[in-house]
Amino acid sequence: MREFNYRKNNNAGAYVFDVDTADERGNRLFFRLIKEENTWQLTSKLPMPEWITDNRELLITELEEGVLNN
């Protein structure tokens, strides 16, 4: 179980969210979720671990549910 922090980035576009979490050593990992033409993209300056890329759809689902409920 991990905690993911989502922040809407209004300066970067309508559907841009900056996300951060920690790995098992406590190092912070930062990436961005961008929705363009009904498709979400995960982008990062650094390679993302598989446990993030493998759970991309779950992260997007949680983000969309949070947006609808807030």
PDB file of N, CA and C in Angstrom:
ATOM      1  N   MET A   1       0.851  -1.169   0.000  1.00  0.00           N
ATOM      2  CA  MET A   1       0.000   0.000   0.000  1.00  0.00           C
ATOM      3  C   MET A   1       0.901   1.237   0.000  1.00  0.00           C
ATOM      4  N   ARG A   2       0.586   2.167  -0.885  1.00  0.00           N
ATOM      5  CA  ARG A   2       1.376   3.391  -1.007  1.00  0.00           C
ATOM      6  C   ARG A   2       0.459   4.605  -1.046  1.00  0.00           C
ATOM      7  N   GLU A   3       1.012   5.726  -0.663  1.00  0.00           N
ATOM      8  CA  GLU A   3       0.285   6.978  -0.726  1.00  0.00           C
ATOM      9  C   GLU A   3       0.741   7.753  -1.960  1.00  0.00           C
ATOM     10  N   PHE A   4      -0.223   8.214  -2.735  1.00  0.00           N
ATOM     11  CA  PHE A   4       0.050   9.035  -3.902  1.00  0.00           C
ATOM     12  C   PHE A   4      -0.597  10.391  -3.687  1.00  0.00           C
ATOM     13  N   ASN A   5       0.159  11.441  -3.923  1.00  0.00           N
ATOM     14  CA  ASN A   5      -0.335  12.806  -3.775  1.00  0.00           C
ATOM     15  C   ASN A   5      -0.542  13.400  -5.166  1.00  0.00           C
ATOM     16  N   TYR A   6      -1.772  13.812  -5.439  1.00  0.00           N
ATOM     17  CA  TYR A   6      -2.134  14.390  -6.729  1.00  0.00           C
ATOM     18  C   TYR A   6      -2.338  15.898  -6.541  1.00  0.00           C
ATOM     19  N   ARG A   7      -1.739  16.691  -7.424  1.00  0.00           N
ATOM     20  CA  ARG A   7      -1.952  18.132  -7.420  1.00  0.00           C
ATOM     21  C   ARG A   7      -2.303  18.583  -8.836  1.00  0.00           C
ATOM     22  N   LYS A   8      -3.440  19.263  -8.958  1.00  0.00           N
ATOM     23  CA  LYS A   8      -3.839  19.776 -10.276  1.00  0.00           C
ATOM     24  C   LYS A   8      -2.931  20.946 -10.621  1.00  0.00           C
ATOM     25  N   ASN A   9      -2.392  20.927 -11.832  1.00  0.00           N
ATOM     26  CA  ASN A   9      -1.489  21.970 -12.287  1.00  0.00           C
ATOM     27  C   ASN A   9      -2.227  22.834 -13.312  1.00  0.00           C
ATOM     28  N   ASN A  10      -2.911  23.870 -12.840  1.00  0.00           N
ATOM     29  CA  ASN A  10      -3.699  24.734 -13.720  1.00  0.00           C
ATOM     30  C   ASN A  10      -2.838  25.501 -14.713  1.00  0.00           C
ATOM     31  N   ASN A  11      -1.578  25.736 -14.381  1.00  0.00           N
ATOM     32  CA  ASN A  11      -0.687  26.475 -15.275  1.00  0.00           C
ATOM     33  C   ASN A  11      -0.278  25.650 -16.493  1.00  0.00           C
ATOM     34  N   ALA A  12      -0.341  24.333 -16.378  1.00  0.00           N
ATOM     35  CA  ALA A  12       0.115  23.458 -17.458  1.00  0.00           C
ATOM     36  C   ALA A  12      -1.020  22.993 -18.371  1.00  0.00           C
ATOM     37  N   GLY A  13      -2.273  23.168 -17.959  1.00  0.00           N
ATOM     38  CA  GLY A  13      -3.397  22.748 -18.795  1.00  0.00           C
ATOM     39  C   GLY A  13      -4.580  22.325 -17.958  1.00  0.00           C
ATOM     40  N   ALA A  14      -5.686  22.059 -18.641  1.00  0.00           N
ATOM     41  CA  ALA A  14      -6.937  21.733 -17.956  1.00  0.00           C
ATOM     42  C   ALA A  14      -6.882  20.389 -17.234  1.00  0.00           C
ATOM     43  N   TYR A  15      -6.243  19.405 -17.826  1.00  0.00           N
ATOM     44  CA  TYR A  15      -6.203  18.073 -17.235  1.00  0.00           C
ATOM     45  C   TYR A  15      -4.755  17.627 -17.050  1.00  0.00           C
ATOM     46  N   VAL A  16      -4.042  18.350 -16.199  1.00  0.00           N
ATOM     47  CA  VAL A  16      -2.654  18.025 -15.893  1.00  0.00           C
ATOM     48  C   VAL A  16      -2.534  17.908 -14.378  1.00  0.00           C
ATOM     49  N   PHE A  17      -2.040  16.750 -13.931  1.00  0.00           N
ATOM     50  CA  PHE A  17      -1.879  16.511 -12.506  1.00  0.00           C
ATOM     51  C   PHE A  17      -0.442  16.071 -12.227  1.00  0.00           C
ATOM     52  N   ASP A  18       0.183  16.747 -11.267  1.00  0.00           N
ATOM     53  CA  ASP A  18       1.504  16.345 -10.804  1.00  0.00           C
ATOM     54  C   ASP A  18       1.299  15.373  -9.658  1.00  0.00           C
ATOM     55  N   VAL A  19       2.020  14.270  -9.709  1.00  0.00           N
ATOM     56  CA  VAL A  19       1.845  13.195  -8.729  1.00  0.00           C
ATOM     57  C   VAL A  19       3.188  12.896  -8.091  1.00  0.00           C
ATOM     58  N   ASP A  20       3.161  12.640  -6.774  1.00  0.00           N
ATOM     59  CA  ASP A  20       4.382  12.193  -6.122  1.00  0.00           C
ATOM     60  C   ASP A  20       4.064  11.088  -5.128  1.00  0.00           C
ATOM     61  N   THR A  21       5.069  10.261  -4.915  1.00  0.00           N
ATOM     62  CA  THR A  21       4.972   9.140  -3.980  1.00  0.00           C
ATOM     63  C   THR A  21       6.379   8.814  -3.519  1.00  0.00           C
ATOM     64  N   ALA A  22       6.508   7.874  -2.617  1.00  0.00           N
ATOM     65  CA  ALA A  22       7.826   7.468  -2.126  1.00  0.00           C
ATOM     66  C   ALA A  22       8.070   6.007  -2.473  1.00  0.00           C
ATOM     67  N   ASP A  23       9.325   5.688  -2.757  1.00  0.00           N
ATOM     68  CA  ASP A  23       9.672   4.286  -2.978  1.00  0.00           C
ATOM     69  C   ASP A  23       9.960   3.618  -1.640  1.00  0.00           C
ATOM     70  N   GLU A  24      10.379   2.362  -1.676  1.00  0.00           N
ATOM     71  CA  GLU A  24      10.594   1.614  -0.435  1.00  0.00           C
ATOM     72  C   GLU A  24      11.736   2.171   0.414  1.00  0.00           C
ATOM     73  N   ARG A  25      12.595   2.989  -0.160  1.00  0.00           N
ATOM     74  CA  ARG A  25      13.697   3.623   0.587  1.00  0.00           C
ATOM     75  C   ARG A  25      13.350   5.019   1.069  1.00  0.00           C
ATOM     76  N   GLY A  26      12.169   5.498   0.721  1.00  0.00           N
ATOM     77  CA  GLY A  26      11.754   6.826   1.133  1.00  0.00           C
ATOM     78  C   GLY A  26      12.110   7.918   0.137  1.00  0.00           C
ATOM     79  N   ASN A  27      12.702   7.556  -0.998  1.00  0.00           N
ATOM     80  CA  ASN A  27      13.014   8.539  -2.036  1.00  0.00           C
ATOM     81  C   ASN A  27      11.731   8.971  -2.723  1.00  0.00           C
ATOM     82  N   ARG A  28      11.590  10.273  -2.960  1.00  0.00           N
ATOM     83  CA  ARG A  28      10.390  10.787  -3.614  1.00  0.00           C
ATOM     84  C   ARG A  28      10.476  10.556  -5.121  1.00  0.00           C
ATOM     85  N   LEU A  29       9.370  10.129  -5.695  1.00  0.00           N
ATOM     86  CA  LEU A  29       9.231   9.927  -7.136  1.00  0.00           C
ATOM     87  C   LEU A  29       8.170  10.897  -7.635  1.00  0.00           C
ATOM     88  N   PHE A  30       8.479  11.599  -8.709  1.00  0.00           N
ATOM     89  CA  PHE A  30       7.574  12.594  -9.262  1.00  0.00           C
ATOM     90  C   PHE A  30       7.255  12.243 -10.704  1.00  0.00           C
ATOM     91  N   PHE A  31       5.975  12.354 -11.061  1.00  0.00           N
ATOM     92  CA  PHE A  31       5.570  12.159 -12.444  1.00  0.00           C
ATOM     93  C   PHE A  31       4.319  12.967 -12.711  1.00  0.00           C
ATOM     94  N   ARG A  32       3.890  12.994 -13.942  1.00  0.00           N
ATOM     95  CA  ARG A  32       2.747  13.800 -14.348  1.00  0.00           C
ATOM     96  C   ARG A  32       1.767  12.933 -15.116  1.00  0.00           C
ATOM     97  N   LEU A  33       0.485  13.144 -14.846  1.00  0.00           N
ATOM     98  CA  LEU A  33      -0.598  12.530 -15.612  1.00  0.00           C
ATOM     99  C   LEU A  33      -1.273  13.635 -16.416  1.00  0.00           C
ATOM    100  N   ILE A  34      -1.342  13.427 -17.734  1.00  0.00           N
ATOM    101  CA  ILE A  34      -1.907  14.419 -18.638  1.00  0.00           C
ATOM    102  C   ILE A  34      -2.998  13.756 -19.471  1.00  0.00           C
ATOM    103  N   LYS A  35      -4.163  14.406 -19.532  1.00  0.00           N
ATOM    104  CA  LYS A  35      -5.257  13.878 -20.348  1.00  0.00           C
ATOM    105  C   LYS A  35      -5.370  14.723 -21.604  1.00  0.00           C
ATOM    106  N   GLU A  36      -5.179  14.069 -22.753  1.00  0.00           N
ATOM    107  CA  GLU A  36      -5.313  14.721 -24.055  1.00  0.00           C
ATOM    108  C   GLU A  36      -6.183  13.845 -24.937  1.00  0.00           C
ATOM    109  N   GLU A  37      -7.249  14.429 -25.463  1.00  0.00           N
ATOM    110  CA  GLU A  37      -8.161  13.702 -26.348  1.00  0.00           C
ATOM    111  C   GLU A  37      -8.659  12.398 -25.728  1.00  0.00           C
ATOM    112  N   ASN A  38      -9.102  12.469 -24.475  1.00  0.00           N
ATOM    113  CA  ASN A  38      -9.663  11.336 -23.724  1.00  0.00           C
ATOM    114  C   ASN A  38      -8.674  10.210 -23.454  1.00  0.00           C
ATOM    115  N   THR A  39      -7.379  10.477 -23.574  1.00  0.00           N
ATOM    116  CA  THR A  39      -6.354   9.478 -23.274  1.00  0.00           C
ATOM    117  C   THR A  39      -5.392  10.052 -22.250  1.00  0.00           C
ATOM    118  N   TRP A  40      -5.154   9.292 -21.189  1.00  0.00           N
ATOM    119  CA  TRP A  40      -4.215   9.715 -20.163  1.00  0.00           C
ATOM    120  C   TRP A  40      -2.811   9.235 -20.508  1.00  0.00           C
ATOM    121  N   GLN A  41      -1.840  10.122 -20.288  1.00  0.00           N
ATOM    122  CA  GLN A  41      -0.436   9.791 -20.487  1.00  0.00           C
ATOM    123  C   GLN A  41       0.302   9.988 -19.171  1.00  0.00           C
ATOM    124  N   LEU A  42       1.205   9.082 -18.862  1.00  0.00           N
ATOM    125  CA  LEU A  42       2.069   9.211 -17.699  1.00  0.00           C
ATOM    126  C   LEU A  42       3.432   9.648 -18.214  1.00  0.00           C
ATOM    127  N   THR A  43       3.914  10.787 -17.723  1.00  0.00           N
ATOM    128  CA  THR A  43       5.213  11.282 -18.160  1.00  0.00           C
ATOM    129  C   THR A  43       6.094  11.544 -16.956  1.00  0.00           C
ATOM    130  N   SER A  44       7.398  11.418 -17.171  1.00  0.00           N
ATOM    131  CA  SER A  44       8.361  11.658 -16.113  1.00  0.00           C
ATOM    132  C   SER A  44       9.709  11.977 -16.730  1.00  0.00           C
ATOM    133  N   LYS A  45      10.496  12.785 -16.036  1.00  0.00           N
ATOM    134  CA  LYS A  45      11.850  13.085 -16.492  1.00  0.00           C
ATOM    135  C   LYS A  45      12.783  11.905 -16.256  1.00  0.00           C
ATOM    136  N   LEU A  46      12.450  11.087 -15.265  1.00  0.00           N
ATOM    137  CA  LEU A  46      13.257   9.912 -14.927  1.00  0.00           C
ATOM    138  C   LEU A  46      12.464   8.643 -15.205  1.00  0.00           C
ATOM    139  N   PRO A  47      13.144   7.529 -15.437  1.00  0.00           N
ATOM    140  CA  PRO A  47      12.421   6.263 -15.622  1.00  0.00           C
ATOM    141  C   PRO A  47      11.606   5.921 -14.367  1.00  0.00           C
ATOM    142  N   MET A  48      10.394   5.470 -14.589  1.00  0.00           N
ATOM    143  CA  MET A  48       9.522   5.086 -13.483  1.00  0.00           C
ATOM    144  C   MET A  48       9.665   3.601 -13.184  1.00  0.00           C
ATOM    145  N   PRO A  49       9.592   3.241 -11.905  1.00  0.00           N
ATOM    146  CA  PRO A  49       9.632   1.817 -11.563  1.00  0.00           C
ATOM    147  C   PRO A  49       8.406   1.090 -12.115  1.00  0.00           C
ATOM    148  N   GLU A  50       8.556  -0.202 -12.303  1.00  0.00           N
ATOM    149  CA  GLU A  50       7.455  -1.001 -12.854  1.00  0.00           C
ATOM    150  C   GLU A  50       6.214  -0.963 -11.987  1.00  0.00           C
ATOM    151  N   TRP A  51       6.367  -0.866 -10.667  1.00  0.00           N
ATOM    152  CA  TRP A  51       5.186  -0.872  -9.803  1.00  0.00           C
ATOM    153  C   TRP A  51       4.323   0.369 -10.035  1.00  0.00           C
ATOM    154  N   ILE A  52       4.876   1.407 -10.641  1.00  0.00           N
ATOM    155  CA  ILE A  52       4.061   2.563 -11.024  1.00  0.00           C
ATOM    156  C   ILE A  52       3.467   2.341 -12.410  1.00  0.00           C
ATOM    157  N   THR A  53       4.298   2.005 -13.378  1.00  0.00           N
ATOM    158  CA  THR A  53       3.800   1.839 -14.751  1.00  0.00           C
ATOM    159  C   THR A  53       2.817   0.674 -14.854  1.00  0.00           C
ATOM    160  N   ASP A  54       3.023  -0.384 -14.083  1.00  0.00           N
ATOM    161  CA  ASP A  54       2.108  -1.530 -14.114  1.00  0.00           C
ATOM    162  C   ASP A  54       0.738  -1.189 -13.526  1.00  0.00           C
ATOM    163  N   ASN A  55       0.672  -0.163 -12.673  1.00  0.00           N
ATOM    164  CA  ASN A  55      -0.584   0.231 -12.025  1.00  0.00           C
ATOM    165  C   ASN A  55      -1.120   1.553 -12.547  1.00  0.00           C
ATOM    166  N   ARG A  56      -0.720   1.915 -13.754  1.00  0.00           N
ATOM    167  CA  ARG A  56      -1.122   3.170 -14.380  1.00  0.00           C
ATOM    168  C   ARG A  56      -2.643   3.323 -14.411  1.00  0.00           C
ATOM    169  N   GLU A  57      -3.342   2.293 -14.832  1.00  0.00           N
ATOM    170  CA  GLU A  57      -4.808   2.369 -14.937  1.00  0.00           C
ATOM    171  C   GLU A  57      -5.464   2.577 -13.570  1.00  0.00           C
ATOM    172  N   LEU A  58      -4.936   1.945 -12.540  1.00  0.00           N
ATOM    173  CA  LEU A  58      -5.475   2.130 -11.188  1.00  0.00           C
ATOM    174  C   LEU A  58      -5.243   3.569 -10.712  1.00  0.00           C
ATOM    175  N   LEU A  59      -4.073   4.111 -10.987  1.00  0.00           N
ATOM    176  CA  LEU A  59      -3.788   5.501 -10.619  1.00  0.00           C
ATOM    177  C   LEU A  59      -4.742   6.459 -11.309  1.00  0.00           C
ATOM    178  N   ILE A  60      -5.022   6.207 -12.579  1.00  0.00           N
ATOM    179  CA  ILE A  60      -5.936   7.061 -13.339  1.00  0.00           C
ATOM    180  C   ILE A  60      -7.357   6.936 -12.805  1.00  0.00           C
ATOM    181  N   THR A  61      -7.787   5.728 -12.490  1.00  0.00           N
ATOM    182  CA  THR A  61      -9.120   5.507 -11.929  1.00  0.00           C
ATOM    183  C   THR A  61      -9.284   6.263 -10.611  1.00  0.00           C
ATOM    184  N   GLU A  62      -8.286   6.157  -9.737  1.00  0.00           N
ATOM    185  CA  GLU A  62      -8.337   6.852  -8.451  1.00  0.00           C
ATOM    186  C   GLU A  62      -8.375   8.369  -8.655  1.00  0.00           C
ATOM    187  N   LEU A  63      -7.603   8.867  -9.603  1.00  0.00           N
ATOM    188  CA  LEU A  63      -7.595  10.294  -9.897  1.00  0.00           C
ATOM    189  C   LEU A  63      -8.967  10.756 -10.383  1.00  0.00           C
ATOM    190  N   GLU A  64      -9.540  10.044 -11.330  1.00  0.00           N
ATOM    191  CA  GLU A  64     -10.847  10.431 -11.867  1.00  0.00           C
ATOM    192  C   GLU A  64     -11.931  10.369 -10.803  1.00  0.00           C
ATOM    193  N   GLU A  65     -11.898   9.368  -9.924  1.00  0.00           N
ATOM    194  CA  GLU A  65     -12.887   9.293  -8.840  1.00  0.00           C
ATOM    195  C   GLU A  65     -12.716  10.463  -7.883  1.00  0.00           C
ATOM    196  N   GLY A  66     -11.478  10.815  -7.586  1.00  0.00           N
ATOM    197  CA  GLY A  66     -11.224  11.952  -6.705  1.00  0.00           C
ATOM    198  C   GLY A  66     -11.702  13.263  -7.299  1.00  0.00           C
ATOM    199  N   VAL A  67     -11.534  13.449  -8.595  1.00  0.00           N
ATOM    200  CA  VAL A  67     -11.992  14.667  -9.265  1.00  0.00           C
ATOM    201  C   VAL A  67     -13.509  14.739  -9.241  1.00  0.00           C
ATOM    202  N   LEU A  68     -14.178  13.615  -9.474  1.00  0.00           N
ATOM    203  CA  LEU A  68     -15.641  13.606  -9.471  1.00  0.00           C
ATOM    204  C   LEU A  68     -16.222  13.885  -8.085  1.00  0.00           C
ATOM    205  N   ASN A  69     -15.542  13.415  -7.038  1.00  0.00           N
ATOM    206  CA  ASN A  69     -16.049  13.542  -5.674  1.00  0.00           C
ATOM    207  C   ASN A  69     -15.664  14.852  -4.991  1.00  0.00           C
ATOM    208  N   ASN A  70     -14.799  15.634  -5.605  1.00  0.00           N
ATOM    209  CA  ASN A  70     -14.353  16.893  -4.957  1.00  0.00           C
ATOM    210  C   ASN A  70     -14.681  18.086  -5.771  1.00  0.00           C
TER     211      ASN A  70
END
